[in-house]
Amino acid sequence: MVNTLAPERTERPAPREGAPGSVLAARARRRQALVAYLFLAPALLFFAVFLVLPLAFALLLSMSRWAGFDLGDIRPVGLDNFTGLFARGSTFVTPVLTNTVLFALGTVVIALAGSVLVATCVDRLRFQGLWRTLYFLPMVTTVVAVGNVWKYMYEPGGLVNGVLNALGLGSVAFLQDPHTALPAVVVVQAWASAGSAILVLTAGLKSIPRSYYEAAALDGAGPVTVFLRITLPLLRPSLLFVCVTQFLTGLQSFALITVMTKGGPGDATSVAALEMYRQAFSYGDWGTASAAAFVLFVVVLLITLTQLWVFRRQGEAA
């Protein structure tokens, strides 16, 4: 039965090109775009001044020789700075870049494993806010303070060697031995950065529905099976975030190593950021420092993309 009371709907024809309606609409869109760009102008200006311009200047310096004083002394040298980093006898690849990757990898492994364990335990305790606050305290402490405290703890008469002596073991010159200096600093970096990882992982654990654990308990699954089959797969987004951020922090580490070892003994703890600082401010070779910065950028980009690809493949397989 046809409803004769309903009004007939007629589609309005679209305004023709050049018609008054289309011209007014185009002007309105242009005004809206202009207003939007005006609001974005401060942020874009800040972005250009403090990121784009320094990046362009660093790219120029990476292909030049400059002592860091007079801009008129900049001399183009092409790719000589990059080839010098990888030339025979250069210490940039080994040990500097190798130490950087090992430092970041060790930090990620220790911090990620410890954070997952602590976050899982905290999720089962009362007063979770208190525990998260306690574990986050190293993050709000200055790196200089953390580095100096651990430096004294690693001394032959410090707390760490005191515990070893109480266990019947001999003292270890942690920061003076080339074989133990880098692992010792890795432990400190992992300990200092674990607080943020614990916060992220506890939040990820809270987002997992309790119904999954209830169903697993009804099926008789043990705690290890529940952890491997439920917790870890559903915690993958949080693990990816922690893994990427920890790796980026480790690859760019500078202050902690400067405070604790200054790159020593020898080059045992020399990393890329410290080497860039030395080339620029100690040796006055800003070109080599800028070239090393771009090499480190490429390394960081490749490692980050690899991590994203691995986690994405694992997610698809799951």
Foldseek 3Di string as FASTA:
>chain_A
DDDPPDDDDDDDDDDDVPDPVVVVVVVVVVVVVVVVCVVCVVVVVVCCVPPVVVLVVLVQLLQWWFLPDDPVPTGGNGNVLVCVCVDPPHCCVPPAAVLLQVLLVLLLVLLLVVLLVVLVVLLPDPPSVVVLVVQLVLQPDDLLVLLVVLLQQLPQPHVVVVVCVVVVHHRDNQCADLVRNSVSLSVSLNSSPNSVLNVLQNVLVVPQDCVVVVVCVVVVDDPVCCCVPPVVLSSLVSSLVSSLVSSVCSSQDDDSCCNRHLCDPVNSNNYLNSVLCCVCPVVSGSNSSSSSVVVSVVVSVVVSVVSVVVSVVVNVVD
